[in-house]
Protein backbone atom coordinates (compact mmCIF):
# COMPACT_ATOMS: atom_id res chain seq x y z
CA MET A 1 12.83 13.51 -1.66
CA THR A 2 16.27 14.90 -2.32
CA PRO A 3 18.27 12.84 -4.80
CA ALA A 4 21.87 11.87 -4.17
CA ARG A 5 24.49 12.79 -6.74
CA THR A 6 25.60 9.19 -7.05
CA SER A 7 24.01 6.01 -5.83
CA PRO A 8 24.90 2.35 -6.08
CA ALA A 9 21.19 1.52 -6.26
CA ALA A 10 20.67 3.92 -9.13
CA GLN A 11 23.58 2.66 -11.20
CA PRO A 12 22.99 -0.93 -12.28
CA GLY A 13 25.30 -2.52 -14.80
CA PRO A 14 29.10 -2.65 -14.81
CA ARG A 15 31.01 -2.69 -11.56
CA LEU A 16 31.70 0.80 -10.26
CA GLY A 17 35.24 2.08 -10.64
CA LEU A 18 37.56 2.78 -7.73
CA ARG A 19 36.86 6.53 -7.81
CA GLU A 20 33.12 6.03 -7.62
CA ARG A 21 33.43 3.41 -4.86
CA LYS A 22 35.56 5.84 -2.85
CA LYS A 23 32.92 8.53 -3.24
CA ILE A 24 30.22 6.19 -1.97
CA LYS A 25 32.43 5.14 0.96
CA THR A 26 33.15 8.76 1.87
CA ARG A 27 29.49 9.72 1.68
CA GLN A 28 28.54 6.84 3.97
CA ALA A 29 31.34 7.68 6.41
CA ILE A 30 29.99 11.24 6.67
CA ARG A 31 26.44 10.00 7.21
CA THR A 32 27.50 7.43 9.81
CA ALA A 33 29.51 10.02 11.76
CA ALA A 34 26.67 12.54 11.56
CA TYR A 35 24.00 10.15 12.81
CA ARG A 36 26.21 9.02 15.69
CA LEU A 37 26.74 12.63 16.77
CA PHE A 38 23.07 13.49 16.29
CA GLU A 39 22.18 10.58 18.58
CA GLU A 40 24.73 11.62 21.21
CA GLN A 41 24.19 15.38 21.33
CA GLY A 42 21.25 16.32 19.14
CA TYR A 43 20.95 17.67 15.61
CA ASP A 44 21.11 21.39 16.41
CA ALA A 45 24.10 20.96 18.74
CA THR A 46 26.19 19.19 16.10
CA PRO A 47 28.17 21.51 13.78
CA VAL A 48 29.49 20.39 10.41
CA ASP A 49 33.12 20.71 11.49
CA GLN A 50 32.48 18.12 14.22
CA ILE A 51 30.94 15.79 11.68
CA ALA A 52 33.94 16.28 9.40
CA HIS A 53 36.36 15.51 12.22
CA ALA A 54 34.45 12.36 13.20
CA ALA A 55 34.39 11.20 9.57
CA ASP A 56 38.11 12.02 9.15
CA VAL A 57 37.47 14.42 6.29
CA SER A 58 37.64 18.21 5.90
CA PRO A 59 34.55 20.43 6.28
CA SER A 60 34.91 21.33 2.59
CA THR A 61 34.62 17.62 1.74
CA VAL A 62 31.41 17.37 3.74
CA PHE A 63 29.98 20.33 1.83
CA ARG A 64 31.10 18.84 -1.48
CA TYR A 65 28.94 15.78 -0.82
CA PHE A 66 26.18 17.55 1.13
CA PRO A 67 25.76 21.29 0.40
CA THR A 68 24.01 21.85 3.75
CA LYS A 69 23.80 19.98 7.04
CA GLU A 70 20.14 19.28 6.28
CA ASP A 71 21.20 17.41 3.13
CA ILE A 72 23.10 14.84 5.22
CA VAL A 73 19.72 13.72 6.54
CA LEU A 74 17.50 14.38 3.54
CA THR A 75 19.55 13.18 0.57
CA ASP A 76 18.45 9.75 -0.61
CA GLU A 77 17.97 7.68 -3.74
CA TYR A 78 14.17 7.54 -3.75
CA ASP A 79 13.27 9.72 -6.73
CA PRO A 80 15.37 7.91 -9.38
CA LEU A 81 14.09 4.61 -7.99
CA LEU A 82 10.46 5.80 -8.04
CA GLU A 83 10.78 6.95 -11.65
CA SER A 84 12.29 3.61 -12.67
CA LEU A 85 9.58 1.63 -10.87
CA LEU A 86 6.82 3.67 -12.50
CA HIS A 87 8.27 2.98 -15.94
CA GLU A 88 8.27 -0.74 -15.13
CA ARG A 89 4.58 -0.95 -14.20
CA PRO A 90 2.35 -2.70 -16.81
CA ALA A 91 1.03 -0.30 -19.44
CA ASP A 92 -2.58 -1.46 -18.95
CA GLU A 93 -2.51 -1.07 -15.15
CA PRO A 94 -4.92 1.56 -13.75
CA PRO A 95 -2.99 4.81 -13.16
CA LEU A 96 -3.53 5.00 -9.40
CA THR A 97 -2.69 1.33 -8.95
CA ALA A 98 0.57 1.84 -10.82
CA VAL A 99 1.48 4.84 -8.65
CA ARG A 100 0.54 3.03 -5.46
CA GLN A 101 2.58 -0.06 -6.29
CA ALA A 102 5.62 1.99 -7.31
CA ILE A 103 5.52 4.11 -4.15
CA VAL A 104 5.18 1.09 -1.87
CA GLU A 105 7.94 -0.82 -3.65
CA GLY A 106 10.21 2.21 -3.61
CA LEU A 107 9.77 2.72 0.13
CA ARG A 108 10.22 -1.00 0.70
CA HIS A 109 13.62 -0.67 -0.97
CA VAL A 110 14.61 2.49 0.91
CA LEU A 111 13.36 1.26 4.30
CA GLY A 112 14.12 -2.40 3.71
CA GLU A 113 17.25 -2.58 5.82
CA ASP A 114 15.36 -1.21 8.85
CA SER A 115 18.62 0.38 9.97
CA PRO A 116 18.93 2.56 13.09
CA GLU A 117 20.06 5.39 10.81
CA MET A 118 16.87 5.22 8.75
CA ARG A 119 14.75 5.19 11.89
CA MET A 120 16.62 8.22 13.22
CA ARG A 121 16.34 9.97 9.87
CA ILE A 122 12.56 9.84 9.99
CA ARG A 123 12.52 10.93 13.65
CA LEU A 124 14.73 13.90 12.80
CA ILE A 125 12.44 14.96 9.96
CA ARG A 126 9.55 14.95 12.40
CA ASP A 127 11.38 16.71 15.24
CA VAL A 128 13.59 19.32 13.54
CA PRO A 129 11.55 22.14 11.94
CA ALA A 130 14.24 22.99 9.36
CA LEU A 131 14.38 19.37 8.22
CA ARG A 132 10.63 19.03 8.03
CA ALA A 133 10.39 22.19 5.93
CA ARG A 134 13.17 21.08 3.59
CA SER A 135 11.60 17.63 3.36
CA GLY A 136 8.42 19.24 2.11
CA GLU A 137 10.38 21.18 -0.50
CA GLY A 138 12.13 17.98 -1.55
CA MET A 139 8.78 16.39 -2.31
CA ALA A 140 8.63 18.56 -5.43
CA GLY A 141 10.86 16.10 -7.27
CA SER A 142 8.65 13.16 -6.36
CA ALA A 143 5.55 15.18 -7.27
CA GLY A 144 6.88 15.91 -10.74
CA ILE A 145 7.65 12.25 -11.35
CA ILE A 146 4.18 11.14 -10.27
CA CYS A 147 2.43 13.92 -12.23
CA ARG A 148 4.25 12.92 -15.39
CA ALA A 149 3.42 9.26 -14.85
CA LEU A 150 -0.27 10.00 -14.31
CA ALA A 151 -0.32 12.30 -17.31
CA GLY A 152 1.18 9.62 -19.53
CA ARG A 153 -1.37 7.06 -18.37
CA THR A 154 -4.45 9.28 -18.56
CA GLY A 155 -3.77 11.56 -21.53
CA ARG A 156 -4.01 14.62 -19.30
CA ARG A 157 -1.39 17.34 -18.90
CA ALA A 158 1.10 16.96 -16.08
CA ASP A 159 -0.07 20.32 -14.69
CA ASP A 160 -3.77 19.37 -14.85
CA LEU A 161 -5.47 20.34 -11.58
CA GLU A 162 -6.87 16.87 -10.87
CA VAL A 163 -3.51 15.24 -11.58
CA ARG A 164 -1.84 17.66 -9.18
CA VAL A 165 -4.48 17.09 -6.48
CA VAL A 166 -4.12 13.31 -6.70
CA THR A 167 -0.32 13.56 -6.60
CA THR A 168 -0.35 15.89 -3.60
CA ALA A 169 -2.80 13.64 -1.74
CA VAL A 170 -0.66 10.56 -2.36
CA LEU A 171 2.53 12.26 -1.15
CA ALA A 172 0.75 13.71 1.89
CA ALA A 173 -0.52 10.22 2.74
CA MET A 174 3.01 8.86 2.51
CA GLN A 175 4.38 11.63 4.74
CA GLU A 176 1.67 11.25 7.37
CA ALA A 177 2.03 7.47 7.39
CA LEU A 178 5.72 7.76 8.26
CA MET A 179 5.13 10.49 10.84
CA THR A 180 2.42 8.41 12.52
CA TRP A 181 4.79 5.44 12.59
CA VAL A 182 7.29 7.63 14.46
CA ASP A 183 4.64 9.06 16.80
CA GLU A 184 3.59 5.52 17.74
CA GLY A 185 7.13 4.52 18.67
CA GLN A 186 8.23 3.08 15.32
CA HIS A 187 6.72 -0.28 16.22
CA GLY A 188 5.71 -2.59 13.42
CA ASP A 189 6.29 -2.27 9.71
CA PRO A 190 6.17 1.32 8.35
CA LEU A 191 4.82 -0.05 5.08
CA THR A 192 1.71 -1.19 6.93
CA TYR A 193 1.10 2.45 7.86
CA LEU A 194 1.64 3.47 4.25
CA GLU A 195 -0.83 0.89 2.96
CA ARG A 196 -3.43 2.06 5.49
CA ALA A 197 -2.94 5.68 4.44
CA LEU A 198 -3.31 4.85 0.75
CA ASP A 199 -6.41 2.79 1.53
CA VAL A 200 -8.03 5.96 2.88
CA LEU A 201 -7.46 7.68 -0.46
CA GLU A 202 -8.71 4.74 -2.50
CA ARG A 203 -12.00 4.51 -0.61
CA GLY A 204 -12.66 8.20 -1.21
CA LEU A 205 -11.52 9.86 2.05
CA THR A 206 -14.34 8.30 4.09
CA LEU A 207 -13.84 7.56 7.80
């Protein structure tokens, strides 16, 4: 997933200063305006200058926070959170268990608010080819984090073929779980879909 430049979730500790709080507020205003317009007129029919006008900022401000229109949808705080959660898993935990628990907990945090924006975000990734392609590219960051975690727990290299295969399978399971949740009308808990998808991997891809 594509990391945000700044994130309240990724910056525990002292209270954020006024400048940083204003940045977060502006970023959220842009996202809120964009999602409202996407809902009203569709993603492709919504230009950045319209989003800027609705958010009461300049187009250059939008691009300062989100270099492309796709980034408004795809930028999130998942990768820093995933890395932190993996570091927190018990050292003696089996590698795949540690990865599974970190992925599920990370998505629980990201999806926890069950907001209309988050639901639309996942629908857009499914429905808009450019977003789906960029989403796949953005998985590279998550893949690197998981590969390094597995390498550290198994003594293998991060670019070891089996480490890469396991990482790719886990991320594909996560992606397909969310897409199936959308295809089935976004009913129920998306984490249930994720758990089911990871169960398939754990039992050895049997049907």
